[in-house]
Amino acid sequence: MEQWDAPVIDNTAVALLHAYPSDGHIAAPEISPAVPKTRAPPSLRRHGIDHFLLKSANQLVKNLPWPLQERIHFFFTFGRLPQVHDPISFNEKVLYRKCIHGDYPSYTRLADKYAARAHVASRIGENYLIPLVFDTSDPAALHSLPRWQHTVFKASHGAGMVEIVRNEPDTRQRRDIVDRCMQWLQTDYSRTAREIHYRDIPRRILVEEYIGDGIQAPVDYKFHMFRQPDGRFKYVLQVIYNRFNTRLAMTFFVNNLRDAFHRIRDDGRQPPCSPDLLQHALELSKVLANDFDYTRVDWYIQKGRIYFGELTFTPGAGLVTGLDRGLDHLMGNMWIQRQLPAKCRLAGMRRAAMN
């Protein structure tokens, strides 16, 4: 018998397809960790059938209701089903916010990279904003820009849609950038990772000044802010180096800015800004995060100045990996999440299933 050694789709997915009853509640099926995997033999892979099966399986999952998709993606990421209704870990609480209950109109307004600028200016002052060179809902208007060098093009309505322009582009390169911006504006980012609050963000292209040194990407300072019932904050600072490298280096600090709790591909370095600037960024984060039980507030600190990055309400869409040393559960415990009464949860799940 021929050995099959290329995984295609776990039979667990088939079991999960039966986990969505007609009443809208997702029940967790009994699944053994030793469920066998369906694998394609090498003879099939050589004819491209392996790729076809993968593509078909992915398309099948995309056509399922969002809450069920969440469970499937979570299972294949972490090897277990999430406790969506009674979340414990940080990732599970992100899923709860996505699927069951959240202040979605506020998330929409503040996750909008253009609208958030006015909010930040009103709360802490416009001097923390990266200078805006141009903004438009018509990418063709970008051709009127007199200078493209040292700018950053980004879309207002999602993540990952960024183009850094360090040198002045030629005509063909400008056309390619404009075409890319047009593709971004055609993207419904809410469907990328099932984050409903991105759906109604007006789609615009922002052109900001590039604040890096031209050699390496600015260090990214992400403050995970957990507002406690007494109004104080617990927090986790996530510092990301090599932002545009495929192998990111990260350091996590828990409720302090000196002693690292966890490192990922980090050689022991410390944040390259002064402790006073880092403390100031923390205090600014408290102001911007004060309206929510959890918000992630992102900053860049360059040449002695603090620049606002963005506000994020569902980091990693609830599939954040690398939260080791118990960090996923530690952050879950720090998050005192506002939750619906049990009798209201079914209605929340039904709304999510309609997306």
Protein backbone atom coordinates (compact mmCIF):
# COMPACT_ATOMS: atom_id res chain seq x y z
CA MET A 1 0.00 0.00 0.00
CA GLU A 2 1.29 3.44 -0.91
CA GLN A 3 2.29 5.74 1.95
CA TRP A 4 0.47 9.09 2.10
CA ASP A 5 2.64 11.83 3.53
CA ALA A 6 1.15 15.22 2.52
CA PRO A 7 -1.62 16.49 4.80
CA VAL A 8 -4.62 17.97 3.04
CA ILE A 9 -7.47 18.38 5.49
CA ASP A 10 -8.10 17.00 8.92
CA ASN A 11 -11.23 14.88 9.29
CA THR A 12 -11.96 16.99 12.34
CA ALA A 13 -13.28 19.63 9.95
CA VAL A 14 -15.95 17.19 8.85
CA ALA A 15 -17.00 16.69 12.45
CA LEU A 16 -17.10 20.44 12.94
CA LEU A 17 -19.54 20.81 10.07
CA HIS A 18 -22.11 19.10 12.27
CA ALA A 19 -21.48 21.39 15.22
CA TYR A 20 -23.79 24.20 14.15
CA PRO A 21 -27.39 23.36 15.10
CA SER A 22 -30.34 25.17 13.58
CA ASP A 23 -30.90 27.25 16.75
CA GLY A 24 -27.69 29.19 16.07
CA HIS A 25 -25.73 27.81 19.01
CA ILE A 26 -22.44 26.14 18.26
CA ALA A 27 -21.93 23.04 20.30
CA ALA A 28 -18.46 21.60 20.72
CA PRO A 29 -18.39 18.07 19.30
CA GLU A 30 -16.51 15.31 21.01
CA ILE A 31 -13.24 14.99 19.10
CA SER A 32 -10.37 12.70 19.88
CA PRO A 33 -6.88 14.17 19.56
CA ALA A 34 -5.99 11.08 17.55
CA VAL A 35 -8.38 11.78 14.68
CA PRO A 36 -6.74 10.44 11.50
CA LYS A 37 -5.83 12.82 8.75
CA THR A 38 -6.83 12.53 5.14
CA ARG A 39 -3.66 12.65 3.07
CA ALA A 40 -3.08 12.67 -0.65
CA PRO A 41 -0.63 10.11 -2.08
CA PRO A 42 2.42 11.40 -3.99
CA SER A 43 0.96 10.18 -7.29
CA LEU A 44 -2.01 12.53 -6.81
CA ARG A 45 0.13 15.42 -5.65
CA ARG A 46 2.23 15.20 -8.80
CA HIS A 47 -0.91 15.91 -10.83
CA GLY A 48 -1.90 18.94 -8.75
CA ILE A 49 -4.85 17.17 -7.12
CA ASP A 50 -3.42 17.85 -3.68
CA HIS A 51 -3.59 21.59 -4.36
CA PHE A 52 -7.10 21.23 -5.75
CA LEU A 53 -8.30 19.46 -2.61
CA LEU A 54 -6.75 22.09 -0.39
CA LYS A 55 -8.36 24.86 -2.39
CA SER A 56 -11.74 23.09 -2.31
CA ALA A 57 -11.54 22.56 1.45
CA ASN A 58 -10.67 26.21 2.03
CA GLN A 59 -13.58 27.32 -0.14
CA LEU A 60 -15.91 25.03 1.77
CA VAL A 61 -14.84 26.60 5.06
CA LYS A 62 -15.26 30.14 3.67
CA ASN A 63 -18.89 29.38 2.80
CA LEU A 64 -19.76 28.36 6.37
CA PRO A 65 -21.29 30.79 8.92
CA TRP A 66 -18.64 32.93 10.54
CA PRO A 67 -18.98 31.48 14.09
CA LEU A 68 -18.33 28.02 12.72
CA GLN A 69 -15.39 29.25 10.70
CA GLU A 70 -13.95 30.69 13.91
CA ARG A 71 -14.02 27.27 15.58
CA ILE A 72 -12.39 25.56 12.62
CA HIS A 73 -9.60 28.11 12.31
CA PHE A 74 -9.04 28.06 16.07
CA PHE A 75 -8.83 24.27 16.08
CA PHE A 76 -6.30 24.11 13.27
CA THR A 77 -4.23 26.86 14.92
CA PHE A 78 -4.21 25.60 18.52
CA GLY A 79 -5.30 21.96 18.27
CA ARG A 80 -8.41 22.41 20.38
CA LEU A 81 -11.83 23.99 20.19
CA PRO A 82 -12.33 27.41 21.78
CA GLN A 83 -14.63 28.12 24.71
CA VAL A 84 -16.50 30.89 22.93
CA HIS A 85 -19.41 31.24 25.38
CA ASP A 86 -17.30 31.05 28.53
CA PRO A 87 -13.92 32.36 27.37
CA ILE A 88 -10.85 32.07 29.55
CA SER A 89 -7.80 32.78 27.40
CA PHE A 90 -7.03 36.04 25.62
CA ASN A 91 -7.69 34.55 22.19
CA GLU A 92 -11.02 33.13 23.34
CA LYS A 93 -12.08 36.53 24.67
CA VAL A 94 -11.21 38.10 21.32
CA LEU A 95 -13.48 35.52 19.69
CA TYR A 96 -16.23 36.37 22.18
CA ARG A 97 -15.91 40.05 21.25
CA LYS A 98 -16.00 39.14 17.55
CA CYS A 99 -18.82 36.61 17.63
CA ILE A 100 -21.12 37.47 20.52
CA HIS A 101 -20.84 40.91 22.05
CA GLY A 102 -18.93 44.12 21.45
CA ASP A 103 -19.33 47.86 20.90
CA TYR A 104 -19.08 47.44 17.14
CA PRO A 105 -20.03 51.04 16.14
CA SER A 106 -17.20 52.38 18.32
CA TYR A 107 -14.77 49.77 16.97
CA THR A 108 -15.70 50.79 13.43
CA ARG A 109 -15.14 54.47 14.15
CA LEU A 110 -11.80 54.03 15.92
CA ALA A 111 -10.33 51.25 13.77
CA ASP A 112 -10.75 53.63 10.82
CA LYS A 113 -7.20 54.90 10.34
CA TYR A 114 -8.47 58.21 8.97
CA ALA A 115 -11.26 58.89 11.50
CA ALA A 116 -9.05 57.81 14.41
CA ARG A 117 -6.78 60.77 13.76
CA ALA A 118 -9.47 63.24 14.87
CA HIS A 119 -10.20 61.12 17.95
CA VAL A 120 -6.55 61.00 18.95
CA ALA A 121 -6.10 64.73 18.36
CA SER A 122 -9.09 65.51 20.59
CA ARG A 123 -7.89 63.22 23.40
CA ILE A 124 -4.13 63.79 23.53
CA GLY A 125 -3.29 66.40 20.86
CA GLU A 126 -2.44 66.32 17.18
CA ASN A 127 1.32 66.51 17.81
CA TYR A 128 1.28 62.72 18.29
CA LEU A 129 -0.04 62.09 14.78
CA ILE A 130 2.20 61.08 11.89
CA PRO A 131 2.02 63.97 9.39
CA LEU A 132 -0.62 63.30 6.72
CA VAL A 133 0.52 64.24 3.21
CA PHE A 134 -2.61 63.32 1.26
CA ASP A 135 -5.83 61.33 1.51
CA THR A 136 -8.37 60.34 -1.12
CA SER A 137 -11.10 57.86 -1.98
CA ASP A 138 -9.98 57.94 -5.64
CA PRO A 139 -6.54 56.36 -6.16
CA ALA A 140 -6.25 58.07 -9.55
CA ALA A 141 -5.88 61.34 -7.64
CA LEU A 142 -2.56 60.07 -6.28
CA HIS A 143 -0.94 60.97 -9.60
CA SER A 144 -1.19 64.61 -8.51
CA LEU A 145 1.21 64.06 -5.61
CA PRO A 146 4.28 66.26 -6.19
CA ARG A 147 6.51 64.02 -4.03
CA TRP A 148 6.34 60.29 -3.34
CA GLN A 149 9.74 59.75 -1.73
CA HIS A 150 9.76 59.03 2.03
CA THR A 151 6.01 58.37 2.22
CA VAL A 152 3.79 55.51 3.35
CA PHE A 153 0.62 54.58 1.48
CA LYS A 154 -2.01 52.75 3.50
CA ALA A 155 -5.70 51.87 3.38
CA SER A 156 -8.01 53.19 6.07
CA HIS A 157 -10.14 50.07 6.49
CA GLY A 158 -7.90 47.16 7.40
CA ALA A 159 -4.44 45.80 8.13
CA GLY A 160 -1.58 44.74 5.91
CA MET A 161 -2.43 47.16 3.11
CA VAL A 162 0.73 49.26 3.30
CA GLU A 163 3.31 50.43 0.79
CA ILE A 164 6.50 52.18 1.94
CA VAL A 165 8.09 54.40 -0.69
CA ARG A 166 11.67 55.27 0.26
CA ASN A 167 12.85 56.54 -3.15
CA GLU A 168 11.10 58.60 -5.79
CA PRO A 169 9.34 56.07 -8.08
CA ASP A 170 9.36 56.24 -11.86
CA THR A 171 6.17 56.37 -13.95
CA ARG A 172 5.70 52.61 -14.06
CA GLN A 173 6.28 52.22 -10.33
CA ARG A 174 3.75 54.97 -9.61
CA ARG A 175 1.21 53.24 -11.78
CA ASP A 176 1.81 49.97 -9.93
CA ILE A 177 1.26 51.69 -6.57
CA VAL A 178 -1.96 53.30 -7.78
CA ASP A 179 -3.20 49.93 -9.09
CA ARG A 180 -2.40 48.36 -5.72
CA CYS A 181 -4.35 51.08 -3.93
CA MET A 182 -7.31 50.42 -6.22
CA GLN A 183 -7.19 46.75 -5.24
CA TRP A 184 -7.17 47.72 -1.55
CA LEU A 185 -10.29 49.83 -1.95
CA GLN A 186 -12.06 46.87 -3.54
CA THR A 187 -11.23 44.68 -0.54
CA ASP A 188 -13.88 44.00 2.10
CA TYR A 189 -11.42 43.52 4.93
CA SER A 190 -14.16 42.36 7.30
CA ARG A 191 -14.25 39.06 5.40
CA THR A 192 -10.50 38.47 5.63
CA ALA A 193 -10.65 37.27 9.24
CA ARG A 194 -14.35 37.70 10.05
CA GLU A 195 -14.07 41.05 11.87
CA ILE A 196 -17.44 42.71 11.32
CA HIS A 197 -16.46 46.18 12.55
CA TYR A 198 -14.23 46.69 9.49
CA ARG A 199 -17.16 46.32 7.10
CA ASP A 200 -18.55 49.84 7.38
CA ILE A 201 -15.28 51.78 7.53
CA PRO A 202 -15.20 54.27 4.63
CA ARG A 203 -12.47 53.16 2.27
CA ARG A 204 -9.74 55.75 1.73
CA ILE A 205 -6.08 55.87 0.86
CA LEU A 206 -3.84 57.74 3.29
CA VAL A 207 -0.37 58.99 2.42
CA GLU A 208 1.73 59.70 5.50
CA GLU A 209 5.28 60.88 6.00
CA TYR A 210 7.73 58.02 6.46
CA ILE A 211 9.17 58.41 9.95
CA GLY A 212 11.82 55.67 9.74
CA ASP A 213 15.53 56.18 9.24
CA GLY A 214 15.51 54.53 5.81
CA ILE A 215 17.64 51.63 7.05
CA GLN A 216 15.27 49.53 9.14
CA ALA A 217 11.58 49.69 10.01
CA PRO A 218 10.62 51.65 13.12
CA VAL A 219 10.23 49.57 16.27
CA ASP A 220 6.55 48.87 16.97
CA TYR A 221 5.31 49.37 20.55
CA LYS A 222 1.95 47.70 21.18
CA PHE A 223 0.30 48.31 24.54
CA HIS A 224 -2.39 45.75 25.36
CA MET A 225 -4.49 47.78 27.80
CA PHE A 226 -6.86 46.01 30.21
CA ARG A 227 -9.10 48.41 32.10
CA GLN A 228 -10.07 47.10 35.53
CA PRO A 229 -13.44 47.70 37.25
CA ASP A 230 -11.82 50.29 39.55
CA GLY A 231 -10.58 52.30 36.54
CA ARG A 232 -6.94 51.30 36.84
CA PHE A 233 -5.09 49.44 34.11
CA LYS A 234 -3.15 46.25 33.78
CA TYR A 235 -1.11 46.01 30.62
CA VAL A 236 1.21 43.96 28.44
CA LEU A 237 3.73 45.78 26.26
CA GLN A 238 4.63 43.92 23.08
CA VAL A 239 7.71 45.32 21.36
CA ILE A 240 8.23 44.20 17.76
CA TYR A 241 11.56 44.50 15.95
CA ASN A 242 12.28 43.79 12.26
CA ARG A 243 8.69 44.68 11.39
CA PHE A 244 9.00 43.88 7.70
CA ASN A 245 11.17 40.82 8.12
CA THR A 246 9.60 37.37 7.80
CA ARG A 247 11.10 36.45 11.19
CA LEU A 248 9.89 39.03 13.67
CA ALA A 249 11.62 39.47 17.00
CA MET A 250 9.36 40.31 19.96
CA THR A 251 9.66 41.11 23.64
CA PHE A 252 6.74 41.08 26.09
CA PHE A 253 6.63 43.08 29.33
CA VAL A 254 3.85 42.44 31.87
CA ASN A 255 2.81 45.36 34.09
CA ASN A 256 6.31 46.82 33.98
CA LEU A 257 8.60 48.38 31.39
CA ARG A 258 11.93 46.96 32.59
CA ASP A 259 11.91 43.19 33.01
CA ALA A 260 10.94 41.08 30.01
CA PHE A 261 8.42 38.31 30.65
CA HIS A 262 8.76 36.52 27.31
CA ARG A 263 10.97 36.79 24.23
CA ILE A 264 10.54 35.48 20.69
CA ARG A 265 13.67 35.42 18.53
CA ASP A 266 14.96 38.24 20.72
CA ASP A 267 18.66 38.41 21.57
CA GLY A 268 18.05 40.12 24.90
CA ARG A 269 17.85 43.67 23.62
CA GLN A 270 15.95 46.42 25.38
CA PRO A 271 13.55 48.89 23.71
CA PRO A 272 15.73 51.44 21.89
CA CYS A 273 13.97 54.47 23.38
CA SER A 274 14.40 56.17 26.73
CA PRO A 275 12.42 54.82 29.72
CA ASP A 276 10.77 58.22 30.10
CA LEU A 277 9.38 58.11 26.54
CA LEU A 278 8.12 54.56 27.08
CA GLN A 279 6.41 55.59 30.31
CA HIS A 280 4.86 58.57 28.54
CA ALA A 281 3.51 56.26 25.80
CA LEU A 282 1.95 54.11 28.52
CA GLU A 283 0.20 57.10 30.07
CA LEU A 284 -1.10 58.18 26.65
CA SER A 285 -2.37 54.62 26.09
CA LYS A 286 -4.41 54.84 29.28
CA VAL A 287 -6.16 57.94 27.94
CA LEU A 288 -6.97 56.38 24.57
CA ALA A 289 -8.04 53.04 26.06
CA ASN A 290 -10.20 54.40 28.85
CA ASP A 291 -13.56 53.75 27.16
CA PHE A 292 -13.09 49.99 26.77
CA ASP A 293 -12.32 46.96 28.88
CA TYR A 294 -9.59 46.04 26.38
CA THR A 295 -7.84 47.95 23.61
CA ARG A 296 -4.48 47.57 21.96
CA VAL A 297 -2.80 50.95 21.41
CA ASP A 298 0.13 51.03 18.98
CA TRP A 299 2.97 53.57 18.90
CA TYR A 300 6.20 54.35 17.11
CA ILE A 301 8.96 56.19 18.95
CA GLN A 302 11.48 57.80 16.62
CA LYS A 303 14.15 60.42 17.25
CA GLY A 304 12.76 61.32 20.65
CA ARG A 305 9.15 61.67 19.45
CA ILE A 306 6.08 59.49 20.07
CA TYR A 307 3.79 58.81 17.12
CA PHE A 308 0.37 57.17 17.29
CA GLY A 309 -0.03 54.03 15.18
CA GLU A 310 -3.53 52.61 15.53
CA LEU A 311 -6.22 51.24 17.85
CA THR A 312 -6.99 47.55 17.56
CA PHE A 313 -9.92 45.76 19.19
CA THR A 314 -9.60 42.16 17.91
CA PRO A 315 -5.84 41.48 17.60
CA GLY A 316 -4.94 38.65 15.29
CA ALA A 317 -8.68 37.95 14.92
CA GLY A 318 -8.40 35.74 18.02
CA LEU A 319 -5.70 33.52 16.50
CA VAL A 320 -2.60 35.08 18.01
CA THR A 321 0.25 32.57 18.29
CA GLY A 322 3.43 33.01 20.29
CA LEU A 323 1.70 33.85 23.58
CA ASP A 324 3.73 31.22 25.37
CA ARG A 325 4.79 30.82 29.01
CA GLY A 326 1.11 31.03 29.91
CA LEU A 327 0.79 34.52 28.40
CA ASP A 328 -2.44 33.69 26.57
CA HIS A 329 -4.17 32.77 29.83
CA LEU A 330 -2.43 35.50 31.82
CA MET A 331 -3.78 38.13 29.41
CA GLY A 332 -7.17 36.42 29.54
CA ASN A 333 -7.19 36.81 33.33
CA MET A 334 -6.24 40.48 33.03
CA TRP A 335 -9.20 41.11 30.72
CA ILE A 336 -12.32 41.67 32.84
CA GLN A 337 -14.63 41.39 29.86
CA ARG A 338 -18.12 42.82 29.71
CA GLN A 339 -20.35 39.91 28.72
CA LEU A 340 -23.99 39.48 27.85
CA PRO A 341 -26.36 37.69 30.23
CA ALA A 342 -26.66 34.05 29.26
CA LYS A 343 -30.18 34.51 27.84
CA CYS A 344 -28.91 37.17 25.43
CA ARG A 345 -25.97 35.21 24.05
CA LEU A 346 -28.02 33.19 21.58
CA ALA A 347 -29.25 36.37 19.95
CA GLY A 348 -25.65 37.56 19.62
CA MET A 349 -24.60 34.31 17.98
CA ARG A 350 -27.50 34.46 15.56
CA ARG A 351 -26.49 37.95 14.48
CA ALA A 352 -22.92 36.80 13.95
CA ALA A 353 -24.09 33.78 11.93
CA MET A 354 -25.88 36.08 9.49
CA ASN A 355 -22.67 37.85 8.46
